[in-house]
Amino acid sequence: MREPPALAADFVGGAVGWRFRSNAGRSHALLKATGVSPSRPLRVIDATAGLGRDGFLLASMGATVTLIERSPDVHALLAEALAVGKAESPELAAMQGRMTLIRADARELLPKLSADVVTVDPMHPERNKTALVKQEMRLLRGLVGADPDVAELMQAALAAECKRVVLKWPLRAAPPPDLRKPSHQIIGKTVRYDVFVRPKAAATN
């Protein structure tokens, strides 16, 4: 019997599926950072889709999400997960109808798109401590690399046509180089969300 892949995107089972079925994600820090809620279904560009969990959460709360992933391997995992989810139930199919997956380099694509929010969750810097990162993250890093161009990606996001940019980053890590101070931060247990509100949006948000 063929063994399952070591790394997989899954929108049906596990914590992601449970969160969707139980509607347990309403208090997630990402929603506070982006401003997404069922009563405020914003347009979001997920510039670093990864395994799609953040994009899925945002879409489950009503957002219309464009997922951009440049790794062909990770893009294939996401495409498979979306196909499985759509076939699982009408509820998942309807929700995933708000998710669009694109294989591209976000640095090149962002100038051509517009949205209310751009989220950036690059591969985080490796820890100096000896504690091992979760196996899933090690496998993902093996596919996508270390994202050495995170500063360039953030500049592209900040120049995009949007109201705010949200960077997901390790709680105590120094920010990427040459990045201006965020408008505010949402602090979690192990990560923080640096929120950059565009000047034109600052008066209305």
N, C-alpha and C. Protein backbone atom coordinates (compact mmCIF):
# COMPACT_ATOMS: atom_id res chain seq x y z
N MET A 1 0.84 -1.19 0.00
CA MET A 1 0.00 0.00 0.00
C MET A 1 0.88 1.24 0.00
N ARG A 2 0.47 2.22 -0.82
CA ARG A 2 1.26 3.44 -0.92
C ARG A 2 1.14 4.27 0.35
N GLU A 3 2.27 4.75 0.87
CA GLU A 3 2.26 5.54 2.09
C GLU A 3 1.78 6.95 1.79
N PRO A 4 1.09 7.58 2.73
CA PRO A 4 0.63 8.96 2.51
C PRO A 4 1.82 9.91 2.47
N PRO A 5 1.69 11.05 1.81
CA PRO A 5 2.80 12.00 1.74
C PRO A 5 3.16 12.51 3.13
N ALA A 6 4.43 12.82 3.31
CA ALA A 6 4.89 13.29 4.62
C ALA A 6 4.35 14.67 4.94
N LEU A 7 4.08 15.46 3.91
CA LEU A 7 3.57 16.82 4.10
C LEU A 7 2.30 16.96 3.29
N ALA A 8 1.26 17.50 3.89
CA ALA A 8 -0.01 17.60 3.19
C ALA A 8 -0.79 18.81 3.68
N ALA A 9 -1.56 19.40 2.79
CA ALA A 9 -2.54 20.41 3.17
C ALA A 9 -3.87 19.69 3.35
N ASP A 10 -4.60 20.02 4.41
CA ASP A 10 -5.83 19.31 4.72
C ASP A 10 -6.85 20.29 5.26
N PHE A 11 -7.95 20.47 4.53
CA PHE A 11 -9.02 21.36 4.96
C PHE A 11 -10.24 20.61 5.48
N VAL A 12 -10.15 19.28 5.51
CA VAL A 12 -11.29 18.47 5.92
C VAL A 12 -11.12 17.92 7.33
N GLY A 13 -9.96 17.33 7.62
CA GLY A 13 -9.72 16.72 8.92
C GLY A 13 -8.85 17.58 9.81
N GLY A 14 -8.44 17.02 10.91
CA GLY A 14 -7.51 17.68 11.83
C GLY A 14 -8.07 18.96 12.42
N ALA A 15 -7.15 19.80 12.89
CA ALA A 15 -7.54 21.04 13.58
C ALA A 15 -8.26 22.00 12.65
N VAL A 16 -7.87 22.04 11.38
CA VAL A 16 -8.49 22.97 10.43
C VAL A 16 -9.95 22.60 10.20
N GLY A 17 -10.20 21.31 9.94
CA GLY A 17 -11.56 20.86 9.73
C GLY A 17 -12.43 21.05 10.96
N TRP A 18 -11.88 20.75 12.14
CA TRP A 18 -12.63 20.92 13.38
C TRP A 18 -12.98 22.39 13.59
N ARG A 19 -12.03 23.28 13.33
CA ARG A 19 -12.28 24.71 13.52
C ARG A 19 -13.40 25.19 12.61
N PHE A 20 -13.43 24.66 11.38
CA PHE A 20 -14.48 25.06 10.43
C PHE A 20 -15.84 24.54 10.88
N ARG A 21 -15.89 23.28 11.28
CA ARG A 21 -17.17 22.68 11.67
C ARG A 21 -17.72 23.28 12.96
N SER A 22 -16.83 23.64 13.88
CA SER A 22 -17.27 24.15 15.19
C SER A 22 -17.33 25.67 15.24
N ASN A 23 -16.85 26.31 14.15
CA ASN A 23 -16.81 27.78 14.10
C ASN A 23 -15.97 28.34 15.24
N ALA A 24 -14.87 27.64 15.55
CA ALA A 24 -14.06 27.99 16.72
C ALA A 24 -12.99 29.02 16.43
N GLY A 25 -12.89 29.50 15.19
CA GLY A 25 -11.80 30.41 14.87
C GLY A 25 -12.12 31.88 15.04
N ARG A 26 -13.30 32.20 15.56
CA ARG A 26 -13.73 33.60 15.60
C ARG A 26 -12.84 34.50 16.44
N SER A 27 -12.12 33.95 17.40
CA SER A 27 -11.27 34.77 18.27
C SER A 27 -9.80 34.73 17.85
N HIS A 28 -9.49 34.15 16.70
CA HIS A 28 -8.11 34.02 16.26
C HIS A 28 -7.47 35.39 16.07
N ALA A 29 -6.21 35.51 16.46
CA ALA A 29 -5.50 36.79 16.37
C ALA A 29 -5.39 37.29 14.93
N LEU A 30 -5.33 36.38 13.96
CA LEU A 30 -5.24 36.79 12.57
C LEU A 30 -6.46 37.61 12.15
N LEU A 31 -7.63 37.26 12.67
CA LEU A 31 -8.84 38.01 12.34
C LEU A 31 -8.77 39.42 12.92
N LYS A 32 -8.24 39.55 14.12
CA LYS A 32 -8.07 40.87 14.71
C LYS A 32 -7.08 41.71 13.90
N ALA A 33 -6.02 41.07 13.43
CA ALA A 33 -4.99 41.78 12.68
C ALA A 33 -5.50 42.25 11.32
N THR A 34 -6.27 41.41 10.65
CA THR A 34 -6.76 41.75 9.31
C THR A 34 -8.04 42.56 9.33
N GLY A 35 -8.81 42.45 10.40
CA GLY A 35 -10.10 43.10 10.46
C GLY A 35 -11.22 42.31 9.83
N VAL A 36 -10.94 41.06 9.46
CA VAL A 36 -11.95 40.20 8.83
C VAL A 36 -12.91 39.67 9.88
N SER A 37 -14.20 39.67 9.55
CA SER A 37 -15.23 39.07 10.40
C SER A 37 -16.41 38.73 9.51
N PRO A 38 -17.33 37.89 9.99
CA PRO A 38 -18.51 37.57 9.18
C PRO A 38 -19.30 38.81 8.75
N SER A 39 -19.26 39.87 9.56
CA SER A 39 -19.95 41.10 9.21
C SER A 39 -19.08 42.04 8.38
N ARG A 40 -17.83 41.66 8.18
CA ARG A 40 -16.90 42.49 7.41
C ARG A 40 -16.08 41.58 6.49
N PRO A 41 -16.70 41.06 5.42
CA PRO A 41 -16.04 40.10 4.53
C PRO A 41 -15.11 40.79 3.54
N LEU A 42 -13.89 41.03 3.96
CA LEU A 42 -12.94 41.79 3.16
C LEU A 42 -12.31 40.95 2.05
N ARG A 43 -11.64 41.63 1.13
CA ARG A 43 -10.86 40.97 0.09
C ARG A 43 -9.41 40.88 0.59
N VAL A 44 -8.87 39.67 0.61
CA VAL A 44 -7.54 39.44 1.17
C VAL A 44 -6.66 38.75 0.14
N ILE A 45 -5.43 39.21 0.04
CA ILE A 45 -4.39 38.51 -0.72
C ILE A 45 -3.45 37.85 0.27
N ASP A 46 -3.38 36.53 0.24
CA ASP A 46 -2.43 35.78 1.06
C ASP A 46 -1.19 35.58 0.19
N ALA A 47 -0.17 36.42 0.41
CA ALA A 47 0.98 36.46 -0.49
C ALA A 47 1.91 35.28 -0.33
N THR A 48 1.77 34.54 0.75
CA THR A 48 2.62 33.37 1.02
C THR A 48 1.70 32.25 1.52
N ALA A 49 0.99 31.62 0.61
CA ALA A 49 -0.11 30.73 0.99
C ALA A 49 0.34 29.55 1.84
N GLY A 50 1.51 28.98 1.57
CA GLY A 50 1.96 27.83 2.35
C GLY A 50 0.97 26.69 2.28
N LEU A 51 0.60 26.14 3.42
CA LEU A 51 -0.36 25.04 3.46
C LEU A 51 -1.81 25.53 3.52
N GLY A 52 -2.01 26.83 3.40
CA GLY A 52 -3.34 27.38 3.20
C GLY A 52 -4.20 27.58 4.43
N ARG A 53 -3.66 27.37 5.62
CA ARG A 53 -4.51 27.40 6.81
C ARG A 53 -5.00 28.81 7.14
N ASP A 54 -4.13 29.80 7.00
CA ASP A 54 -4.57 31.16 7.28
C ASP A 54 -5.60 31.61 6.25
N GLY A 55 -5.34 31.30 4.98
CA GLY A 55 -6.30 31.65 3.95
C GLY A 55 -7.64 30.97 4.15
N PHE A 56 -7.60 29.72 4.57
CA PHE A 56 -8.83 28.97 4.83
C PHE A 56 -9.61 29.61 5.98
N LEU A 57 -8.91 29.98 7.06
CA LEU A 57 -9.58 30.62 8.19
C LEU A 57 -10.25 31.91 7.76
N LEU A 58 -9.55 32.72 6.99
CA LEU A 58 -10.11 34.00 6.54
C LEU A 58 -11.34 33.78 5.65
N ALA A 59 -11.24 32.81 4.74
CA ALA A 59 -12.38 32.51 3.86
C ALA A 59 -13.56 31.98 4.66
N SER A 60 -13.29 31.18 5.69
CA SER A 60 -14.38 30.62 6.50
C SER A 60 -15.12 31.71 7.27
N MET A 61 -14.48 32.86 7.45
CA MET A 61 -15.11 33.99 8.12
C MET A 61 -15.69 34.99 7.13
N GLY A 62 -15.76 34.61 5.87
CA GLY A 62 -16.43 35.44 4.87
C GLY A 62 -15.54 36.17 3.91
N ALA A 63 -14.23 36.17 4.14
CA ALA A 63 -13.33 36.90 3.25
C ALA A 63 -13.22 36.22 1.88
N THR A 64 -12.97 37.01 0.87
CA THR A 64 -12.61 36.50 -0.45
C THR A 64 -11.09 36.50 -0.52
N VAL A 65 -10.48 35.34 -0.70
CA VAL A 65 -9.04 35.19 -0.51
C VAL A 65 -8.36 34.74 -1.80
N THR A 66 -7.33 35.47 -2.20
CA THR A 66 -6.45 35.07 -3.28
C THR A 66 -5.18 34.51 -2.66
N LEU A 67 -4.92 33.23 -2.88
CA LEU A 67 -3.73 32.57 -2.32
C LEU A 67 -2.64 32.51 -3.38
N ILE A 68 -1.50 33.08 -3.06
CA ILE A 68 -0.36 33.07 -3.98
C ILE A 68 0.72 32.17 -3.39
N GLU A 69 1.17 31.19 -4.17
CA GLU A 69 2.22 30.27 -3.74
C GLU A 69 3.19 30.06 -4.89
N ARG A 70 4.46 30.28 -4.65
CA ARG A 70 5.44 30.17 -5.73
C ARG A 70 6.10 28.80 -5.82
N SER A 71 6.05 28.02 -4.74
CA SER A 71 6.64 26.68 -4.79
C SER A 71 5.72 25.74 -5.56
N PRO A 72 6.19 25.11 -6.62
CA PRO A 72 5.32 24.19 -7.36
C PRO A 72 4.85 23.01 -6.53
N ASP A 73 5.68 22.53 -5.63
CA ASP A 73 5.31 21.39 -4.79
C ASP A 73 4.21 21.77 -3.80
N VAL A 74 4.37 22.92 -3.15
CA VAL A 74 3.37 23.36 -2.18
C VAL A 74 2.08 23.75 -2.90
N HIS A 75 2.20 24.37 -4.06
CA HIS A 75 1.02 24.71 -4.86
C HIS A 75 0.22 23.45 -5.19
N ALA A 76 0.91 22.38 -5.54
CA ALA A 76 0.23 21.12 -5.86
C ALA A 76 -0.50 20.56 -4.64
N LEU A 77 0.12 20.66 -3.46
CA LEU A 77 -0.54 20.20 -2.23
C LEU A 77 -1.80 20.99 -1.96
N LEU A 78 -1.72 22.30 -2.16
CA LEU A 78 -2.88 23.15 -1.93
C LEU A 78 -4.00 22.85 -2.92
N ALA A 79 -3.64 22.70 -4.19
CA ALA A 79 -4.65 22.40 -5.21
C ALA A 79 -5.38 21.10 -4.89
N GLU A 80 -4.64 20.10 -4.44
CA GLU A 80 -5.25 18.82 -4.08
C GLU A 80 -6.18 18.98 -2.88
N ALA A 81 -5.74 19.73 -1.87
CA ALA A 81 -6.56 19.93 -0.68
C ALA A 81 -7.85 20.66 -1.02
N LEU A 82 -7.78 21.64 -1.91
CA LEU A 82 -8.98 22.37 -2.31
C LEU A 82 -9.95 21.46 -3.06
N ALA A 83 -9.41 20.60 -3.91
CA ALA A 83 -10.27 19.67 -4.65
C ALA A 83 -10.96 18.69 -3.70
N VAL A 84 -10.23 18.19 -2.72
CA VAL A 84 -10.81 17.26 -1.74
C VAL A 84 -11.88 17.97 -0.92
N GLY A 85 -11.60 19.20 -0.51
CA GLY A 85 -12.55 19.94 0.29
C GLY A 85 -13.85 20.21 -0.45
N LYS A 86 -13.74 20.58 -1.72
CA LYS A 86 -14.94 20.86 -2.51
C LYS A 86 -15.80 19.62 -2.67
N ALA A 87 -15.17 18.46 -2.74
CA ALA A 87 -15.92 17.21 -2.91
C ALA A 87 -16.48 16.69 -1.59
N GLU A 88 -16.02 17.22 -0.48
CA GLU A 88 -16.41 16.70 0.83
C GLU A 88 -17.84 17.08 1.21
N SER A 89 -18.20 18.35 1.00
CA SER A 89 -19.53 18.79 1.42
C SER A 89 -19.90 20.07 0.69
N PRO A 90 -21.20 20.33 0.54
CA PRO A 90 -21.63 21.59 -0.08
C PRO A 90 -21.16 22.81 0.72
N GLU A 91 -21.09 22.67 2.05
CA GLU A 91 -20.65 23.79 2.87
C GLU A 91 -19.20 24.16 2.59
N LEU A 92 -18.34 23.14 2.51
CA LEU A 92 -16.95 23.40 2.19
C LEU A 92 -16.80 23.92 0.76
N ALA A 93 -17.56 23.37 -0.15
CA ALA A 93 -17.49 23.81 -1.54
C ALA A 93 -17.88 25.28 -1.66
N ALA A 94 -18.94 25.68 -0.96
CA ALA A 94 -19.38 27.06 -1.00
C ALA A 94 -18.34 27.99 -0.41
N MET A 95 -17.76 27.60 0.72
CA MET A 95 -16.76 28.43 1.36
C MET A 95 -15.51 28.54 0.49
N GLN A 96 -15.06 27.40 -0.06
CA GLN A 96 -13.85 27.42 -0.88
C GLN A 96 -14.07 28.12 -2.21
N GLY A 97 -15.33 28.38 -2.55
CA GLY A 97 -15.61 29.18 -3.74
C GLY A 97 -15.10 30.60 -3.60
N ARG A 98 -14.77 31.00 -2.37
CA ARG A 98 -14.20 32.33 -2.14
C ARG A 98 -12.67 32.31 -2.14
N MET A 99 -12.08 31.14 -2.42
CA MET A 99 -10.63 31.01 -2.42
C MET A 99 -10.13 30.77 -3.85
N THR A 100 -9.15 31.58 -4.26
CA THR A 100 -8.54 31.45 -5.59
C THR A 100 -7.05 31.19 -5.41
N LEU A 101 -6.57 30.09 -5.95
CA LEU A 101 -5.16 29.71 -5.82
C LEU A 101 -4.40 30.05 -7.09
N ILE A 102 -3.29 30.76 -6.93
CA ILE A 102 -2.45 31.15 -8.06
C ILE A 102 -1.01 30.74 -7.78
N ARG A 103 -0.38 30.11 -8.76
CA ARG A 103 1.05 29.83 -8.64
C ARG A 103 1.82 30.97 -9.26
N ALA A 104 2.53 31.71 -8.41
CA ALA A 104 3.26 32.88 -8.88
C ALA A 104 4.18 33.36 -7.77
N ASP A 105 5.07 34.27 -8.12
CA ASP A 105 5.90 34.97 -7.15
C ASP A 105 5.15 36.23 -6.77
N ALA A 106 4.79 36.36 -5.50
CA ALA A 106 3.97 37.49 -5.07
C ALA A 106 4.65 38.82 -5.34
N ARG A 107 5.96 38.86 -5.34
CA ARG A 107 6.65 40.12 -5.61
C ARG A 107 6.31 40.64 -7.01
N GLU A 108 6.12 39.71 -7.94
CA GLU A 108 5.80 40.11 -9.31
C GLU A 108 4.30 40.32 -9.52
N LEU A 109 3.48 39.60 -8.75
CA LEU A 109 2.04 39.65 -8.97
C LEU A 109 1.35 40.77 -8.20
N LEU A 110 1.83 41.12 -7.04
CA LEU A 110 1.15 42.10 -6.20
C LEU A 110 0.90 43.44 -6.90
N PRO A 111 1.83 43.95 -7.71
CA PRO A 111 1.54 45.23 -8.38
C PRO A 111 0.35 45.17 -9.33
N LYS A 112 -0.11 43.98 -9.70
CA LYS A 112 -1.21 43.83 -10.65
C LYS A 112 -2.55 43.58 -9.95
N LEU A 113 -2.54 43.46 -8.62
CA LEU A 113 -3.74 43.10 -7.88
C LEU A 113 -4.14 44.22 -6.92
N SER A 114 -5.37 44.13 -6.43
CA SER A 114 -5.83 45.04 -5.38
C SER A 114 -6.68 44.25 -4.39
N ALA A 115 -6.69 44.71 -3.16
CA ALA A 115 -7.45 44.03 -2.10
C ALA A 115 -7.58 44.99 -0.92
N ASP A 116 -8.34 44.57 0.07
CA ASP A 116 -8.40 45.34 1.31
C ASP A 116 -7.18 45.08 2.17
N VAL A 117 -6.72 43.81 2.19
CA VAL A 117 -5.64 43.39 3.07
C VAL A 117 -4.68 42.47 2.31
N VAL A 118 -3.38 42.63 2.57
CA VAL A 118 -2.37 41.68 2.10
C VAL A 118 -1.73 41.06 3.32
N THR A 119 -1.72 39.74 3.40
CA THR A 119 -1.05 39.05 4.50
C THR A 119 0.24 38.40 4.01
N VAL A 120 1.26 38.45 4.84
CA VAL A 120 2.57 37.89 4.52
C VAL A 120 3.03 37.02 5.68
N ASP A 121 3.22 35.75 5.41
CA ASP A 121 3.71 34.81 6.43
C ASP A 121 4.88 34.04 5.82
N PRO A 122 6.05 34.67 5.73
CA PRO A 122 7.20 34.01 5.12
C PRO A 122 7.78 32.94 6.03
N MET A 123 8.69 32.15 5.49
CA MET A 123 9.38 31.19 6.33
C MET A 123 10.16 31.97 7.38
N HIS A 124 9.91 31.65 8.64
CA HIS A 124 10.51 32.41 9.73
C HIS A 124 11.98 32.06 9.91
N PRO A 125 12.76 32.99 10.46
CA PRO A 125 14.18 32.70 10.71
C PRO A 125 14.34 31.47 11.59
N GLU A 126 15.39 30.70 11.33
CA GLU A 126 15.64 29.53 12.17
C GLU A 126 16.02 29.96 13.57
N ARG A 127 15.55 29.20 14.53
CA ARG A 127 15.83 29.54 15.92
C ARG A 127 17.28 29.25 16.26
N ASN A 128 17.82 30.10 17.14
CA ASN A 128 19.18 29.86 17.63
C ASN A 128 19.20 28.80 18.72
N LYS A 129 18.04 28.56 19.33
CA LYS A 129 17.97 27.58 20.41
C LYS A 129 18.05 26.17 19.83
N THR A 130 18.27 25.21 20.68
CA THR A 130 18.43 23.83 20.22
C THR A 130 17.10 23.11 20.06
N ALA A 131 16.01 23.69 20.57
CA ALA A 131 14.70 23.05 20.46
C ALA A 131 14.34 22.86 18.99
N LEU A 132 13.85 21.68 18.64
CA LEU A 132 13.50 21.39 17.27
C LEU A 132 12.20 22.06 16.89
N VAL A 133 12.17 22.58 15.67
CA VAL A 133 10.92 23.08 15.12
C VAL A 133 10.05 21.88 14.78
N LYS A 134 8.74 22.07 14.76
CA LYS A 134 7.85 20.97 14.43
C LYS A 134 8.24 20.33 13.10
N GLN A 135 8.06 19.03 13.02
CA GLN A 135 8.46 18.29 11.83
C GLN A 135 7.83 18.86 10.57
N GLU A 136 6.57 19.25 10.67
CA GLU A 136 5.89 19.80 9.50
C GLU A 136 6.60 21.04 8.98
N MET A 137 7.04 21.91 9.89
CA MET A 137 7.72 23.13 9.47
C MET A 137 9.08 22.81 8.87
N ARG A 138 9.75 21.79 9.38
CA ARG A 138 11.03 21.39 8.79
C ARG A 138 10.84 20.88 7.37
N LEU A 139 9.79 20.09 7.17
CA LEU A 139 9.50 19.59 5.83
C LEU A 139 9.13 20.72 4.89
N LEU A 140 8.35 21.68 5.38
CA LEU A 140 7.96 22.81 4.54
C LEU A 140 9.17 23.65 4.18
N ARG A 141 10.05 23.86 5.14
CA ARG A 141 11.27 24.62 4.86
C ARG A 141 12.11 23.92 3.80
N GLY A 142 12.10 22.58 3.84
CA GLY A 142 12.85 21.83 2.83
C GLY A 142 12.32 22.04 1.43
N LEU A 143 11.02 22.33 1.31
CA LEU A 143 10.42 22.57 -0.01
C LEU A 143 10.59 24.00 -0.48
N VAL A 144 10.37 24.96 0.40
CA VAL A 144 10.33 26.36 -0.03
C VAL A 144 11.61 27.13 0.26
N GLY A 145 12.50 26.57 1.08
CA GLY A 145 13.72 27.28 1.40
C GLY A 145 13.53 28.24 2.56
N ALA A 146 14.44 29.19 2.68
CA ALA A 146 14.47 30.07 3.85
C ALA A 146 13.86 31.44 3.59
N ASP A 147 13.33 31.70 2.39
CA ASP A 147 12.75 33.00 2.05
C ASP A 147 13.72 34.15 2.35
N PRO A 148 14.90 34.18 1.73
CA PRO A 148 15.84 35.26 2.00
C PRO A 148 15.38 36.60 1.45
N ASP A 149 14.35 36.59 0.60
CA ASP A 149 13.86 37.83 -0.01
C ASP A 149 12.64 38.39 0.71
N VAL A 150 12.51 38.10 2.01
CA VAL A 150 11.34 38.55 2.75
C VAL A 150 11.25 40.07 2.79
N ALA A 151 12.38 40.77 2.87
CA ALA A 151 12.34 42.23 2.90
C ALA A 151 11.81 42.77 1.58
N GLU A 152 12.23 42.17 0.48
CA GLU A 152 11.75 42.58 -0.84
C GLU A 152 10.25 42.30 -0.98
N LEU A 153 9.81 41.16 -0.46
CA LEU A 153 8.39 40.82 -0.51
C LEU A 153 7.57 41.82 0.30
N MET A 154 8.05 42.19 1.48
CA MET A 154 7.32 43.14 2.30
C MET A 154 7.23 44.51 1.63
N GLN A 155 8.28 44.92 0.94
CA GLN A 155 8.22 46.20 0.23
C GLN A 155 7.18 46.15 -0.88
N ALA A 156 7.09 45.00 -1.57
CA ALA A 156 6.08 44.84 -2.61
C ALA A 156 4.68 44.87 -2.01
N ALA A 157 4.51 44.24 -0.86
CA ALA A 157 3.21 44.25 -0.20
C ALA A 157 2.82 45.65 0.24
N LEU A 158 3.77 46.39 0.80
CA LEU A 158 3.49 47.73 1.28
C LEU A 158 3.21 48.70 0.13
N ALA A 159 3.68 48.37 -1.07
CA ALA A 159 3.42 49.22 -2.24
C ALA A 159 2.16 48.80 -2.98
N ALA A 160 1.55 47.69 -2.57
CA ALA A 160 0.37 47.17 -3.26
C ALA A 160 -0.85 48.06 -2.99
N GLU A 161 -1.84 47.90 -3.86
CA GLU A 161 -3.09 48.64 -3.70
C GLU A 161 -3.96 47.93 -2.66
N CYS A 162 -3.81 48.36 -1.42
CA CYS A 162 -4.55 47.76 -0.31
C CYS A 162 -4.63 48.75 0.84
N LYS A 163 -5.46 48.41 1.84
CA LYS A 163 -5.63 49.29 2.99
C LYS A 163 -4.67 48.96 4.12
N ARG A 164 -4.30 47.68 4.22
CA ARG A 164 -3.37 47.29 5.27
C ARG A 164 -2.59 46.05 4.86
N VAL A 165 -1.42 45.91 5.47
CA VAL A 165 -0.56 44.75 5.28
C VAL A 165 -0.32 44.14 6.65
N VAL A 166 -0.41 42.82 6.72
CA VAL A 166 -0.20 42.11 7.99
C VAL A 166 0.94 41.12 7.83
N LEU A 167 1.98 41.28 8.63
CA LEU A 167 3.13 40.38 8.64
C LEU A 167 3.06 39.47 9.86
N LYS A 168 3.04 38.16 9.64
CA LYS A 168 3.10 37.19 10.73
C LYS A 168 4.56 36.85 10.97
N TRP A 169 5.02 37.01 12.22
CA TRP A 169 6.46 36.93 12.49
C TRP A 169 6.68 36.36 13.89
N PRO A 170 7.80 35.68 14.13
CA PRO A 170 8.06 35.15 15.48
C PRO A 170 7.99 36.24 16.54
N LEU A 171 7.45 35.90 17.68
CA LEU A 171 7.14 36.87 18.72
C LEU A 171 8.33 37.74 19.08
N ARG A 172 9.49 37.14 19.29
CA ARG A 172 10.64 37.90 19.79
C ARG A 172 11.72 38.13 18.73
N ALA A 173 11.44 37.83 17.49
CA ALA A 173 12.44 38.01 16.44
C ALA A 173 12.50 39.46 15.99
N ALA A 174 13.71 39.88 15.60
CA ALA A 174 13.86 41.22 15.03
C ALA A 174 13.10 41.29 13.72
N PRO A 175 12.54 42.44 13.37
CA PRO A 175 11.79 42.55 12.11
C PRO A 175 12.72 42.39 10.91
N PRO A 176 12.18 42.09 9.74
CA PRO A 176 13.00 42.05 8.53
C PRO A 176 13.71 43.38 8.34
N PRO A 177 14.87 43.38 7.66
CA PRO A 177 15.64 44.62 7.51
C PRO A 177 14.91 45.68 6.70
N ASP A 178 15.19 46.94 7.07
CA ASP A 178 14.68 48.11 6.33
C ASP A 178 13.17 48.19 6.30
N LEU A 179 12.51 47.65 7.32
CA LEU A 179 11.06 47.68 7.38
C LEU A 179 10.64 48.75 8.38
N ARG A 180 9.71 49.61 7.97
CA ARG A 180 9.26 50.66 8.87
C ARG A 180 8.48 50.09 10.03
N LYS A 181 8.33 50.89 11.05
CA LYS A 181 7.61 50.46 12.25
C LYS A 181 6.14 50.23 11.93
N PRO A 182 5.56 49.13 12.41
CA PRO A 182 4.14 48.87 12.13
C PRO A 182 3.23 49.88 12.84
N SER A 183 2.02 50.01 12.32
CA SER A 183 1.03 50.88 12.95
C SER A 183 0.65 50.36 14.32
N HIS A 184 0.50 49.04 14.43
CA HIS A 184 0.27 48.39 15.72
C HIS A 184 0.56 46.90 15.57
N GLN A 185 0.50 46.19 16.68
CA GLN A 185 0.80 44.76 16.70
C GLN A 185 -0.29 44.01 17.44
N ILE A 186 -0.55 42.79 16.99
CA ILE A 186 -1.40 41.85 17.70
C ILE A 186 -0.49 40.73 18.18
N ILE A 187 -0.44 40.51 19.49
CA ILE A 187 0.52 39.59 20.08
C ILE A 187 -0.14 38.26 20.40
N GLY A 188 0.48 37.17 19.93
CA GLY A 188 0.05 35.83 20.28
C GLY A 188 1.04 35.17 21.21
N LYS A 189 0.89 33.86 21.41
CA LYS A 189 1.77 33.14 22.33
C LYS A 189 3.18 32.97 21.76
N THR A 190 3.28 32.66 20.47
CA THR A 190 4.60 32.42 19.86
C THR A 190 4.86 33.29 18.65
N VAL A 191 3.83 33.93 18.13
CA VAL A 191 4.00 34.82 16.97
C VAL A 191 3.32 36.15 17.26
N ARG A 192 3.68 37.12 16.46
CA ARG A 192 3.01 38.42 16.52
C ARG A 192 2.57 38.80 15.10
N TYR A 193 1.58 39.65 15.02
CA TYR A 193 1.11 40.16 13.74
C TYR A 193 1.42 41.66 13.70
N ASP A 194 2.37 42.02 12.85
CA ASP A 194 2.71 43.43 12.66
C ASP A 194 1.77 43.99 11.60
N VAL A 195 0.99 44.99 11.98
CA VAL A 195 -0.05 45.54 11.10
C VAL A 195 0.40 46.91 10.58
N PHE A 196 0.41 47.04 9.27
CA PHE A 196 0.81 48.28 8.62
C PHE A 196 -0.42 48.86 7.91
N VAL A 197 -0.96 49.92 8.49
CA VAL A 197 -2.14 50.55 7.91
C VAL A 197 -1.70 51.63 6.94
N ARG A 198 -2.24 51.58 5.73
CA ARG A 198 -1.88 52.58 4.73
C ARG A 198 -2.36 53.95 5.18
N PRO A 199 -1.61 55.00 4.90
CA PRO A 199 -1.97 56.35 5.36
C PRO A 199 -3.38 56.77 4.98
N LYS A 200 -3.82 56.48 3.76
CA LYS A 200 -5.15 56.88 3.31
C LYS A 200 -6.23 56.14 4.07
N ALA A 201 -5.89 54.92 4.55
CA ALA A 201 -6.89 54.12 5.26
C ALA A 201 -6.91 54.44 6.74
N ALA A 202 -5.84 55.09 7.25
CA ALA A 202 -5.72 55.29 8.68
C ALA A 202 -6.86 56.12 9.25
N ALA A 203 -7.39 57.07 8.45
CA ALA A 203 -8.45 57.94 8.95
C ALA A 203 -9.80 57.23 9.02
N THR A 204 -9.96 56.15 8.27
CA THR A 204 -11.25 55.48 8.22
C THR A 204 -11.27 54.17 8.96
N ASN A 205 -10.11 53.59 9.29
CA ASN A 205 -10.06 52.28 9.97
C ASN A 205 -9.95 52.46 11.48
